[in-house]
């Protein structure tokens, strides 16, 4: 039997933080990479082309100051298309961490849209894998992204999604997101606040 396609879990810097059930603080926050933390450069394997999105450093620092583990969940179909190698993905990860500091987990889908994996967003596999690595429940985890696939993946995993729209976000994606924020620091304030529901409405 052919083993199922699995995501890559890149080396992270896991720091355990006790999660208090019922508290307002999320157990973890997972960010999309391209278009959310860093500018979207299609199939980028060049660390010199990595530039931060506005507010990214402030947002990540605020979560770390609150003791919340942060991770990255990202589709990288350039690997399946032969445009990127695992080393390319790792090199970009290292550059992102030079700019933003270490993340507790990196979950990467290297598969193409037609491969039938369970990890390519909008499927929930990346989020579930990251939560397992962090030993946190998905239903107490927040996912911050810029497109509908990020929100669909969060919903499918039972996590809470917050959409930070950009120029490429479609109006329909914003309308169905449930929770939106104008920028990354505002999204973090939302997930750290007591007004955040247990999970995004279905």
N, C-alpha and C. Protein backbone atom coordinates (compact mmCIF):
# COMPACT_ATOMS: atom_id res chain seq x y z
N UNK A 1 0.84 -1.19 0.00
CA UNK A 1 0.00 0.00 0.00
C UNK A 1 0.89 1.26 0.00
N UNK A 2 0.56 2.18 -0.87
CA UNK A 2 1.32 3.44 -0.92
C UNK A 2 0.99 4.29 0.29
N UNK A 3 2.00 4.76 1.02
CA UNK A 3 1.71 5.58 2.20
C UNK A 3 1.08 6.91 1.78
N UNK A 4 0.19 7.46 2.61
CA UNK A 4 -0.43 8.74 2.27
C UNK A 4 0.59 9.86 2.21
N UNK A 5 0.29 10.83 1.38
CA UNK A 5 1.17 11.99 1.28
C UNK A 5 1.10 12.79 2.57
N UNK A 6 2.26 13.15 3.09
CA UNK A 6 2.32 13.83 4.38
C UNK A 6 3.01 15.17 4.23
N UNK A 7 2.70 16.11 5.12
CA UNK A 7 3.39 17.41 5.07
C UNK A 7 4.80 17.31 5.60
N UNK A 8 5.61 18.27 5.24
CA UNK A 8 6.93 18.40 5.85
C UNK A 8 6.78 19.18 7.16
N UNK A 9 7.43 18.71 8.20
CA UNK A 9 7.51 19.45 9.45
C UNK A 9 8.96 19.86 9.61
N UNK A 10 9.24 21.12 9.30
CA UNK A 10 10.62 21.61 9.35
C UNK A 10 11.05 21.86 10.78
N UNK A 11 12.35 21.84 11.03
CA UNK A 11 12.82 22.07 12.40
C UNK A 11 12.29 23.37 12.97
N UNK A 12 11.74 23.28 14.17
CA UNK A 12 11.20 24.46 14.84
C UNK A 12 11.79 24.60 16.22
N UNK A 13 11.38 25.62 16.90
CA UNK A 13 11.87 25.92 18.24
C UNK A 13 10.67 25.84 19.18
N UNK A 14 10.39 24.64 19.67
CA UNK A 14 9.19 24.41 20.45
C UNK A 14 9.45 24.77 21.90
N UNK A 15 8.61 25.67 22.39
CA UNK A 15 8.62 25.98 23.81
C UNK A 15 7.24 25.66 24.36
N UNK A 16 7.18 24.78 25.32
CA UNK A 16 5.89 24.38 25.87
C UNK A 16 5.34 25.48 26.77
N UNK A 17 4.08 25.81 26.56
CA UNK A 17 3.38 26.76 27.41
C UNK A 17 2.09 26.09 27.86
N UNK A 18 1.83 26.03 29.14
CA UNK A 18 0.60 25.39 29.58
C UNK A 18 -0.63 26.10 29.05
N UNK A 19 -1.55 25.32 28.48
CA UNK A 19 -2.78 25.90 27.98
C UNK A 19 -3.86 25.75 29.04
N UNK A 20 -4.52 26.84 29.36
CA UNK A 20 -5.57 26.83 30.36
C UNK A 20 -6.91 26.76 29.65
N UNK A 21 -7.62 25.61 29.71
CA UNK A 21 -8.92 25.51 29.03
C UNK A 21 -9.87 26.58 29.54
N UNK A 22 -10.60 27.17 28.61
CA UNK A 22 -11.57 28.18 28.98
C UNK A 22 -11.00 29.59 29.03
N UNK A 23 -9.69 29.73 28.96
CA UNK A 23 -9.09 31.06 28.98
C UNK A 23 -9.23 31.73 27.63
N UNK A 24 -8.98 33.03 27.59
CA UNK A 24 -9.12 33.77 26.34
C UNK A 24 -7.89 33.62 25.45
N UNK A 25 -6.75 33.25 26.05
CA UNK A 25 -5.53 33.13 25.28
C UNK A 25 -5.55 31.87 24.43
N UNK A 26 -5.23 31.96 23.13
CA UNK A 26 -5.19 30.75 22.31
C UNK A 26 -4.03 29.85 22.71
N UNK A 27 -4.19 28.55 22.44
CA UNK A 27 -3.12 27.60 22.73
C UNK A 27 -1.94 27.80 21.78
N UNK A 28 -2.21 28.27 20.57
CA UNK A 28 -1.17 28.55 19.57
C UNK A 28 -1.79 29.41 18.48
N UNK A 29 -0.95 30.10 17.75
CA UNK A 29 -1.39 30.85 16.57
C UNK A 29 -0.52 30.43 15.40
N UNK A 30 -1.17 30.03 14.32
CA UNK A 30 -0.49 29.57 13.10
C UNK A 30 -0.73 30.59 12.00
N UNK A 31 0.35 31.01 11.37
CA UNK A 31 0.28 32.00 10.30
C UNK A 31 0.49 31.34 8.94
N UNK A 32 -0.27 31.76 7.95
CA UNK A 32 0.11 31.52 6.57
C UNK A 32 1.40 32.29 6.30
N UNK A 33 2.20 31.84 5.33
CA UNK A 33 3.46 32.52 5.06
C UNK A 33 3.32 33.61 4.01
N UNK A 34 3.05 33.21 2.76
CA UNK A 34 3.08 34.14 1.63
C UNK A 34 1.81 34.98 1.57
N UNK A 35 1.98 36.29 1.59
CA UNK A 35 0.85 37.19 1.59
C UNK A 35 0.36 37.53 2.98
N UNK A 36 0.90 36.85 3.98
CA UNK A 36 0.50 37.11 5.37
C UNK A 36 1.69 37.60 6.17
N UNK A 37 2.67 36.74 6.39
CA UNK A 37 3.89 37.16 7.09
C UNK A 37 4.87 37.87 6.17
N UNK A 38 5.00 37.35 4.94
CA UNK A 38 5.94 37.94 3.99
C UNK A 38 5.22 38.19 2.67
N UNK A 39 5.77 39.11 1.88
CA UNK A 39 5.18 39.41 0.58
C UNK A 39 5.17 38.17 -0.30
N UNK A 40 4.11 38.02 -1.06
CA UNK A 40 3.94 36.84 -1.89
C UNK A 40 4.76 36.97 -3.18
N UNK A 41 5.87 36.24 -3.24
CA UNK A 41 6.68 36.13 -4.44
C UNK A 41 6.48 34.71 -4.95
N UNK A 42 5.79 34.51 -6.06
CA UNK A 42 5.44 33.16 -6.49
C UNK A 42 6.65 32.23 -6.58
N UNK A 43 6.50 31.07 -5.96
CA UNK A 43 7.53 30.00 -6.00
C UNK A 43 8.90 30.52 -5.58
N UNK A 44 8.93 31.29 -4.53
CA UNK A 44 10.20 31.91 -4.14
C UNK A 44 11.10 30.93 -3.39
N UNK A 45 12.31 30.75 -3.89
CA UNK A 45 13.33 29.98 -3.19
C UNK A 45 14.55 30.81 -2.87
N UNK A 46 14.45 32.11 -3.04
CA UNK A 46 15.58 33.02 -2.86
C UNK A 46 15.39 33.84 -1.59
N UNK A 47 16.18 33.59 -0.55
CA UNK A 47 16.02 34.33 0.71
C UNK A 47 16.14 35.84 0.55
N UNK A 48 16.92 36.31 -0.46
CA UNK A 48 17.10 37.75 -0.62
C UNK A 48 15.83 38.44 -1.08
N UNK A 49 14.84 37.68 -1.54
CA UNK A 49 13.59 38.28 -2.01
C UNK A 49 12.51 38.27 -0.93
N UNK A 50 12.86 37.84 0.26
CA UNK A 50 11.89 37.80 1.37
C UNK A 50 11.76 39.20 1.98
N UNK A 51 10.55 39.73 1.98
CA UNK A 51 10.27 41.01 2.63
C UNK A 51 9.03 40.85 3.50
N UNK A 52 9.06 41.48 4.66
CA UNK A 52 7.97 41.33 5.61
C UNK A 52 6.74 42.10 5.18
N UNK A 53 5.58 41.56 5.52
CA UNK A 53 4.33 42.29 5.37
C UNK A 53 4.22 43.31 6.50
N UNK A 54 3.51 44.40 6.27
CA UNK A 54 3.37 45.42 7.32
C UNK A 54 2.79 44.83 8.61
N UNK A 55 3.44 45.17 9.72
CA UNK A 55 2.95 44.73 11.02
C UNK A 55 3.33 43.33 11.43
N UNK A 56 4.06 42.61 10.57
CA UNK A 56 4.37 41.21 10.88
C UNK A 56 5.20 41.08 12.16
N UNK A 57 6.24 41.90 12.28
CA UNK A 57 7.10 41.80 13.46
C UNK A 57 6.32 42.15 14.73
N UNK A 58 5.54 43.20 14.67
CA UNK A 58 4.75 43.62 15.82
C UNK A 58 3.78 42.52 16.25
N UNK A 59 3.15 41.88 15.27
CA UNK A 59 2.17 40.84 15.57
C UNK A 59 2.81 39.63 16.22
N UNK A 60 3.90 39.16 15.64
CA UNK A 60 4.57 37.98 16.18
C UNK A 60 5.15 38.27 17.56
N UNK A 61 5.74 39.44 17.72
CA UNK A 61 6.31 39.81 19.02
C UNK A 61 5.23 39.86 20.10
N UNK A 62 4.04 40.35 19.75
CA UNK A 62 2.97 40.45 20.73
C UNK A 62 2.54 39.06 21.21
N UNK A 63 2.49 38.11 20.31
CA UNK A 63 2.13 36.74 20.71
C UNK A 63 3.19 36.13 21.59
N UNK A 64 4.44 36.32 21.22
CA UNK A 64 5.52 35.76 22.06
C UNK A 64 5.50 36.40 23.45
N UNK A 65 5.25 37.70 23.50
CA UNK A 65 5.19 38.37 24.80
C UNK A 65 4.06 37.84 25.66
N UNK A 66 2.99 37.36 25.02
CA UNK A 66 1.86 36.79 25.73
C UNK A 66 2.06 35.31 26.05
N UNK A 67 3.20 34.75 25.63
CA UNK A 67 3.48 33.34 25.90
C UNK A 67 2.76 32.37 24.99
N UNK A 68 2.35 32.83 23.81
CA UNK A 68 1.61 31.99 22.88
C UNK A 68 2.56 31.44 21.81
N UNK A 69 2.66 30.13 21.64
CA UNK A 69 3.50 29.57 20.57
C UNK A 69 3.00 30.01 19.19
N UNK A 70 3.93 30.28 18.30
CA UNK A 70 3.59 30.70 16.94
C UNK A 70 4.19 29.73 15.94
N UNK A 71 3.45 29.47 14.88
CA UNK A 71 3.92 28.56 13.84
C UNK A 71 3.52 29.05 12.47
N UNK A 72 3.97 28.34 11.45
CA UNK A 72 3.71 28.69 10.05
C UNK A 72 3.12 27.46 9.36
N UNK A 73 2.06 27.68 8.59
CA UNK A 73 1.46 26.62 7.77
C UNK A 73 1.38 27.14 6.35
N UNK A 74 2.07 26.49 5.41
CA UNK A 74 2.22 27.07 4.08
C UNK A 74 2.18 26.02 2.98
N UNK A 75 1.40 26.31 1.92
CA UNK A 75 1.44 25.51 0.70
C UNK A 75 2.66 25.93 -0.13
N UNK A 76 3.43 24.95 -0.59
CA UNK A 76 4.58 25.23 -1.46
C UNK A 76 4.57 24.26 -2.63
N UNK A 77 3.59 24.44 -3.53
CA UNK A 77 3.46 23.52 -4.66
C UNK A 77 4.60 23.66 -5.65
N UNK A 78 5.43 24.70 -5.50
CA UNK A 78 6.60 24.81 -6.36
C UNK A 78 7.52 23.61 -6.25
N UNK A 79 7.47 22.92 -5.12
CA UNK A 79 8.27 21.69 -4.97
C UNK A 79 7.76 20.62 -5.94
N UNK A 80 6.46 20.38 -5.93
CA UNK A 80 5.88 19.38 -6.83
C UNK A 80 6.06 19.77 -8.29
N UNK A 81 6.10 21.06 -8.56
CA UNK A 81 6.24 21.53 -9.94
C UNK A 81 7.70 21.55 -10.42
N UNK A 82 8.62 21.18 -9.54
CA UNK A 82 10.03 21.16 -9.90
C UNK A 82 10.70 22.52 -9.88
N UNK A 83 10.04 23.50 -9.27
CA UNK A 83 10.58 24.86 -9.22
C UNK A 83 11.32 25.16 -7.93
N UNK A 84 11.12 24.33 -6.92
CA UNK A 84 11.75 24.51 -5.62
C UNK A 84 12.25 23.18 -5.10
N UNK A 85 13.29 23.21 -4.29
CA UNK A 85 13.76 22.03 -3.58
C UNK A 85 13.46 22.21 -2.09
N UNK A 86 13.64 21.14 -1.35
CA UNK A 86 13.47 21.24 0.11
C UNK A 86 14.48 22.24 0.68
N UNK A 87 15.68 22.26 0.13
CA UNK A 87 16.69 23.21 0.61
C UNK A 87 16.23 24.65 0.36
N UNK A 88 15.62 24.90 -0.79
CA UNK A 88 15.10 26.24 -1.07
C UNK A 88 14.08 26.66 -0.01
N UNK A 89 13.17 25.75 0.31
CA UNK A 89 12.14 26.05 1.31
C UNK A 89 12.78 26.31 2.67
N UNK A 90 13.79 25.50 3.00
CA UNK A 90 14.50 25.69 4.26
C UNK A 90 15.23 27.03 4.29
N UNK A 91 15.85 27.40 3.20
CA UNK A 91 16.60 28.66 3.17
C UNK A 91 15.68 29.86 3.36
N UNK A 92 14.50 29.80 2.74
CA UNK A 92 13.53 30.87 2.94
C UNK A 92 13.04 30.88 4.38
N UNK A 93 12.81 29.70 4.95
CA UNK A 93 12.42 29.63 6.37
C UNK A 93 13.46 30.31 7.24
N UNK A 94 14.72 30.04 7.00
CA UNK A 94 15.78 30.62 7.82
C UNK A 94 15.79 32.14 7.69
N UNK A 95 15.54 32.66 6.49
CA UNK A 95 15.50 34.11 6.31
C UNK A 95 14.31 34.72 7.04
N UNK A 96 13.16 34.06 6.96
CA UNK A 96 11.99 34.56 7.69
C UNK A 96 12.29 34.61 9.19
N UNK A 97 12.99 33.59 9.69
CA UNK A 97 13.30 33.58 11.11
C UNK A 97 14.39 34.59 11.48
N UNK A 98 15.25 34.93 10.54
CA UNK A 98 16.19 36.04 10.80
C UNK A 98 15.43 37.34 11.01
N UNK A 99 14.33 37.51 10.28
CA UNK A 99 13.57 38.75 10.34
C UNK A 99 12.54 38.77 11.46
N UNK A 100 12.00 37.62 11.79
CA UNK A 100 10.88 37.55 12.74
C UNK A 100 11.18 36.75 14.00
N UNK A 101 12.34 36.11 14.06
CA UNK A 101 12.61 35.27 15.21
C UNK A 101 12.11 33.85 14.98
N UNK A 102 12.43 32.94 15.88
CA UNK A 102 12.11 31.52 15.68
C UNK A 102 10.63 31.20 15.87
N UNK A 103 10.16 30.30 15.05
CA UNK A 103 8.80 29.79 15.16
C UNK A 103 8.83 28.39 15.78
N UNK A 104 7.76 28.07 16.47
CA UNK A 104 7.71 26.78 17.16
C UNK A 104 7.54 25.61 16.20
N UNK A 105 6.89 25.84 15.06
CA UNK A 105 6.68 24.76 14.09
C UNK A 105 6.50 25.37 12.71
N UNK A 106 7.00 24.65 11.72
CA UNK A 106 6.75 24.96 10.31
C UNK A 106 6.13 23.72 9.68
N UNK A 107 4.91 23.84 9.19
CA UNK A 107 4.26 22.74 8.48
C UNK A 107 4.10 23.16 7.03
N UNK A 108 4.68 22.38 6.12
CA UNK A 108 4.75 22.74 4.70
C UNK A 108 4.10 21.64 3.87
N UNK A 109 3.21 22.03 2.96
CA UNK A 109 2.68 21.08 1.97
C UNK A 109 3.49 21.24 0.69
N UNK A 110 4.27 20.21 0.29
CA UNK A 110 5.06 20.30 -0.94
C UNK A 110 4.35 19.74 -2.16
N UNK A 111 3.06 19.41 -2.02
CA UNK A 111 2.34 18.69 -3.07
C UNK A 111 1.63 19.63 -4.02
N UNK A 112 1.33 19.11 -5.20
CA UNK A 112 0.59 19.88 -6.19
C UNK A 112 -0.91 19.75 -5.98
N UNK A 113 -1.69 20.61 -6.64
CA UNK A 113 -3.15 20.61 -6.44
C UNK A 113 -3.81 19.29 -6.80
N UNK A 114 -3.23 18.53 -7.73
CA UNK A 114 -3.89 17.30 -8.16
C UNK A 114 -3.39 16.02 -7.52
N UNK A 115 -2.55 16.14 -6.50
CA UNK A 115 -1.95 14.94 -5.91
C UNK A 115 -2.82 14.26 -4.86
N UNK A 116 -3.87 14.90 -4.44
CA UNK A 116 -4.79 14.25 -3.52
C UNK A 116 -4.30 14.14 -2.09
N UNK A 117 -3.42 15.03 -1.68
CA UNK A 117 -2.94 14.99 -0.29
C UNK A 117 -4.00 15.57 0.63
N UNK A 118 -3.82 15.37 1.91
CA UNK A 118 -4.73 15.94 2.89
C UNK A 118 -4.19 17.16 3.58
N UNK A 119 -3.06 17.67 3.08
CA UNK A 119 -2.42 18.79 3.78
C UNK A 119 -2.48 20.10 3.00
N UNK A 120 -2.70 20.07 1.72
CA UNK A 120 -2.73 21.31 0.95
C UNK A 120 -3.97 22.11 1.33
N UNK A 121 -3.78 23.32 1.85
CA UNK A 121 -4.93 24.15 2.16
C UNK A 121 -5.74 24.38 0.88
N UNK A 122 -7.07 24.22 0.95
CA UNK A 122 -7.96 24.31 2.10
C UNK A 122 -8.18 23.05 2.92
N UNK A 123 -7.47 21.95 2.64
CA UNK A 123 -7.57 20.79 3.52
C UNK A 123 -6.95 21.13 4.88
N UNK A 124 -7.32 20.40 5.92
CA UNK A 124 -6.88 20.76 7.28
C UNK A 124 -5.56 20.17 7.71
N UNK A 125 -4.89 19.37 6.86
CA UNK A 125 -3.75 18.58 7.31
C UNK A 125 -2.60 19.37 7.90
N UNK A 126 -2.27 20.52 7.31
CA UNK A 126 -1.16 21.32 7.85
C UNK A 126 -1.46 21.79 9.27
N UNK A 127 -2.66 22.26 9.48
CA UNK A 127 -3.04 22.75 10.81
C UNK A 127 -3.05 21.62 11.82
N UNK A 128 -3.60 20.48 11.44
CA UNK A 128 -3.64 19.35 12.37
C UNK A 128 -2.24 18.85 12.70
N UNK A 129 -1.36 18.81 11.69
CA UNK A 129 0.01 18.36 11.93
C UNK A 129 0.75 19.32 12.85
N UNK A 130 0.57 20.62 12.63
CA UNK A 130 1.22 21.61 13.48
C UNK A 130 0.71 21.52 14.91
N UNK A 131 -0.59 21.32 15.08
CA UNK A 131 -1.15 21.19 16.42
C UNK A 131 -0.64 19.94 17.12
N UNK A 132 -0.50 18.85 16.38
CA UNK A 132 0.07 17.64 17.00
C UNK A 132 1.50 17.89 17.44
N UNK A 133 2.29 18.54 16.62
CA UNK A 133 3.68 18.81 16.97
C UNK A 133 3.75 19.68 18.24
N UNK A 134 2.83 20.63 18.37
CA UNK A 134 2.83 21.53 19.52
C UNK A 134 2.07 20.96 20.72
N UNK A 135 1.38 19.84 20.51
CA UNK A 135 0.56 19.23 21.56
C UNK A 135 -0.51 20.20 22.07
N UNK A 136 -1.19 20.85 21.11
CA UNK A 136 -2.28 21.76 21.46
C UNK A 136 -3.53 21.34 20.69
N UNK A 137 -4.71 21.59 21.25
CA UNK A 137 -5.95 21.22 20.56
C UNK A 137 -6.27 22.20 19.44
N UNK A 138 -6.65 21.72 18.26
CA UNK A 138 -6.98 22.63 17.16
C UNK A 138 -8.08 23.61 17.52
N UNK A 139 -9.04 23.16 18.32
CA UNK A 139 -10.17 24.04 18.64
C UNK A 139 -9.78 25.22 19.52
N UNK A 140 -8.57 25.20 20.07
CA UNK A 140 -8.07 26.34 20.84
C UNK A 140 -6.88 27.01 20.13
N UNK A 141 -6.83 26.79 18.81
CA UNK A 141 -5.75 27.34 17.99
C UNK A 141 -6.35 28.34 16.99
N UNK A 142 -5.63 29.42 16.73
CA UNK A 142 -6.06 30.41 15.73
C UNK A 142 -5.17 30.33 14.51
N UNK A 143 -5.75 30.57 13.36
CA UNK A 143 -5.04 30.57 12.08
C UNK A 143 -5.25 31.94 11.43
N UNK A 144 -4.17 32.61 11.08
CA UNK A 144 -4.24 33.93 10.46
C UNK A 144 -3.72 33.82 9.03
N UNK A 145 -4.53 34.23 8.07
CA UNK A 145 -4.14 34.14 6.67
C UNK A 145 -4.78 35.22 5.84
N UNK A 146 -4.49 35.20 4.54
CA UNK A 146 -4.94 36.28 3.67
C UNK A 146 -5.91 35.85 2.59
N UNK A 147 -6.21 34.55 2.48
CA UNK A 147 -7.13 34.10 1.44
C UNK A 147 -8.11 33.07 2.01
N UNK A 148 -9.12 32.78 1.21
CA UNK A 148 -10.16 31.88 1.66
C UNK A 148 -9.68 30.49 2.00
N UNK A 149 -8.67 30.00 1.29
CA UNK A 149 -8.16 28.65 1.57
C UNK A 149 -7.64 28.54 2.99
N UNK A 150 -7.05 29.61 3.51
CA UNK A 150 -6.58 29.60 4.90
C UNK A 150 -7.75 29.46 5.86
N UNK A 151 -8.83 30.17 5.57
CA UNK A 151 -10.01 30.13 6.45
C UNK A 151 -10.72 28.79 6.34
N UNK A 152 -10.79 28.24 5.14
CA UNK A 152 -11.42 26.93 4.96
C UNK A 152 -10.63 25.85 5.69
N UNK A 153 -9.30 25.92 5.63
CA UNK A 153 -8.48 24.94 6.33
C UNK A 153 -8.69 25.05 7.83
N UNK A 154 -8.74 26.27 8.34
CA UNK A 154 -9.00 26.46 9.77
C UNK A 154 -10.35 25.86 10.15
N UNK A 155 -11.36 26.15 9.37
CA UNK A 155 -12.70 25.64 9.67
C UNK A 155 -12.72 24.12 9.65
N UNK A 156 -12.06 23.52 8.65
CA UNK A 156 -12.06 22.06 8.54
C UNK A 156 -11.32 21.39 9.69
N UNK A 157 -10.32 22.10 10.24
CA UNK A 157 -9.55 21.55 11.37
C UNK A 157 -10.23 21.81 12.71
N UNK A 158 -11.29 22.62 12.71
CA UNK A 158 -11.93 23.00 13.96
C UNK A 158 -11.24 24.14 14.66
N UNK A 159 -10.34 24.83 13.94
CA UNK A 159 -9.62 25.96 14.52
C UNK A 159 -10.36 27.26 14.22
N UNK A 160 -9.84 28.36 14.74
CA UNK A 160 -10.43 29.68 14.54
C UNK A 160 -9.62 30.41 13.48
N UNK A 161 -10.28 30.89 12.46
CA UNK A 161 -9.59 31.60 11.39
C UNK A 161 -9.83 33.09 11.47
N UNK A 162 -8.77 33.86 11.19
CA UNK A 162 -8.89 35.31 11.08
C UNK A 162 -8.27 35.72 9.75
N UNK A 163 -9.07 36.36 8.92
CA UNK A 163 -8.61 36.79 7.60
C UNK A 163 -8.08 38.22 7.68
N UNK A 164 -6.87 38.41 7.13
CA UNK A 164 -6.31 39.76 6.97
C UNK A 164 -6.25 40.01 5.46
N UNK A 165 -7.26 40.67 4.91
CA UNK A 165 -7.34 40.82 3.45
C UNK A 165 -6.19 41.66 2.88
N UNK A 166 -5.79 41.30 1.67
CA UNK A 166 -4.81 42.07 0.90
C UNK A 166 -5.41 42.35 -0.47
N UNK A 167 -4.62 42.89 -1.36
CA UNK A 167 -5.11 43.21 -2.69
C UNK A 167 -5.55 41.98 -3.46
N UNK A 168 -5.04 40.80 -3.11
CA UNK A 168 -5.40 39.59 -3.86
C UNK A 168 -6.58 38.85 -3.23
N UNK A 169 -7.02 39.27 -2.07
CA UNK A 169 -8.15 38.61 -1.42
C UNK A 169 -9.44 38.94 -2.15
N UNK A 170 -10.22 37.93 -2.49
CA UNK A 170 -11.47 38.16 -3.20
C UNK A 170 -12.55 38.63 -2.24
N UNK A 171 -13.47 39.40 -2.78
CA UNK A 171 -14.55 39.94 -1.95
C UNK A 171 -15.36 38.81 -1.32
N UNK A 172 -15.59 37.74 -2.06
CA UNK A 172 -16.34 36.62 -1.51
C UNK A 172 -15.62 35.94 -0.36
N UNK A 173 -14.29 35.92 -0.42
CA UNK A 173 -13.52 35.34 0.67
C UNK A 173 -13.65 36.16 1.94
N UNK A 174 -13.64 37.46 1.77
CA UNK A 174 -13.82 38.34 2.93
C UNK A 174 -15.21 38.19 3.51
N UNK A 175 -16.21 38.09 2.64
CA UNK A 175 -17.60 38.02 3.09
C UNK A 175 -17.88 36.76 3.89
N UNK A 176 -17.19 35.67 3.55
CA UNK A 176 -17.47 34.39 4.22
C UNK A 176 -16.46 34.04 5.30
N UNK A 177 -15.54 34.95 5.58
CA UNK A 177 -14.45 34.62 6.51
C UNK A 177 -14.91 34.46 7.95
N UNK A 178 -15.94 35.15 8.36
CA UNK A 178 -16.37 35.07 9.75
C UNK A 178 -15.66 36.11 10.60
N UNK A 179 -14.35 36.01 10.69
CA UNK A 179 -13.56 36.96 11.45
C UNK A 179 -12.54 37.60 10.52
N UNK A 180 -12.47 38.92 10.49
CA UNK A 180 -11.50 39.64 9.68
C UNK A 180 -10.84 40.72 10.53
N UNK A 181 -9.66 41.13 10.08
CA UNK A 181 -8.92 42.21 10.74
C UNK A 181 -8.24 43.03 9.66
N UNK A 182 -8.05 44.33 9.88
CA UNK A 182 -7.46 45.18 8.85
C UNK A 182 -5.97 44.98 8.66
N UNK A 183 -5.29 44.44 9.70
CA UNK A 183 -3.85 44.22 9.59
C UNK A 183 -3.45 43.15 10.61
N UNK A 184 -2.19 42.75 10.55
CA UNK A 184 -1.73 41.66 11.42
C UNK A 184 -1.78 42.02 12.90
N UNK A 185 -1.32 43.20 13.33
CA UNK A 185 -1.43 43.51 14.75
C UNK A 185 -2.88 43.49 15.25
N UNK A 186 -3.82 43.95 14.43
CA UNK A 186 -5.22 43.90 14.82
C UNK A 186 -5.72 42.47 14.92
N UNK A 187 -5.27 41.61 14.02
CA UNK A 187 -5.65 40.19 14.08
C UNK A 187 -5.16 39.57 15.38
N UNK A 188 -3.94 39.90 15.77
CA UNK A 188 -3.40 39.35 17.01
C UNK A 188 -4.16 39.89 18.22
N UNK A 189 -4.50 41.16 18.21
CA UNK A 189 -5.30 41.70 19.31
C UNK A 189 -6.63 40.97 19.41
N UNK A 190 -7.19 40.62 18.26
CA UNK A 190 -8.46 39.90 18.25
C UNK A 190 -8.32 38.51 18.87
N UNK A 191 -7.28 37.78 18.46
CA UNK A 191 -7.16 36.42 18.98
C UNK A 191 -6.73 36.39 20.45
N UNK A 192 -6.11 37.46 20.91
CA UNK A 192 -5.73 37.52 22.32
C UNK A 192 -6.86 38.06 23.21
N UNK A 193 -7.90 38.61 22.57
CA UNK A 193 -8.98 39.21 23.33
C UNK A 193 -10.05 38.21 23.72
N UNK A 194 -10.84 38.59 24.66
CA UNK A 194 -11.87 37.69 25.19
C UNK A 194 -13.07 37.56 24.25
N UNK A 195 -13.14 38.42 23.21
CA UNK A 195 -14.30 38.37 22.32
C UNK A 195 -14.20 37.24 21.30
N UNK A 196 -13.07 36.58 21.19
CA UNK A 196 -12.91 35.54 20.17
C UNK A 196 -13.75 34.33 20.55
N UNK A 197 -14.61 33.85 19.64
CA UNK A 197 -15.42 32.67 19.95
C UNK A 197 -14.57 31.41 20.02
N UNK A 198 -15.16 30.36 20.55
CA UNK A 198 -14.44 29.10 20.71
C UNK A 198 -13.92 28.60 19.37
N UNK A 199 -14.69 28.83 18.32
CA UNK A 199 -14.23 28.49 16.97
C UNK A 199 -15.04 29.31 15.99
N UNK A 200 -14.53 29.36 14.77
CA UNK A 200 -15.21 30.14 13.74
C UNK A 200 -16.56 29.50 13.44
N UNK A 201 -17.62 30.31 13.23
CA UNK A 201 -18.92 29.73 12.92
C UNK A 201 -18.86 28.89 11.66
N UNK A 202 -19.59 27.78 11.66
CA UNK A 202 -19.62 26.91 10.49
C UNK A 202 -20.71 27.35 9.53
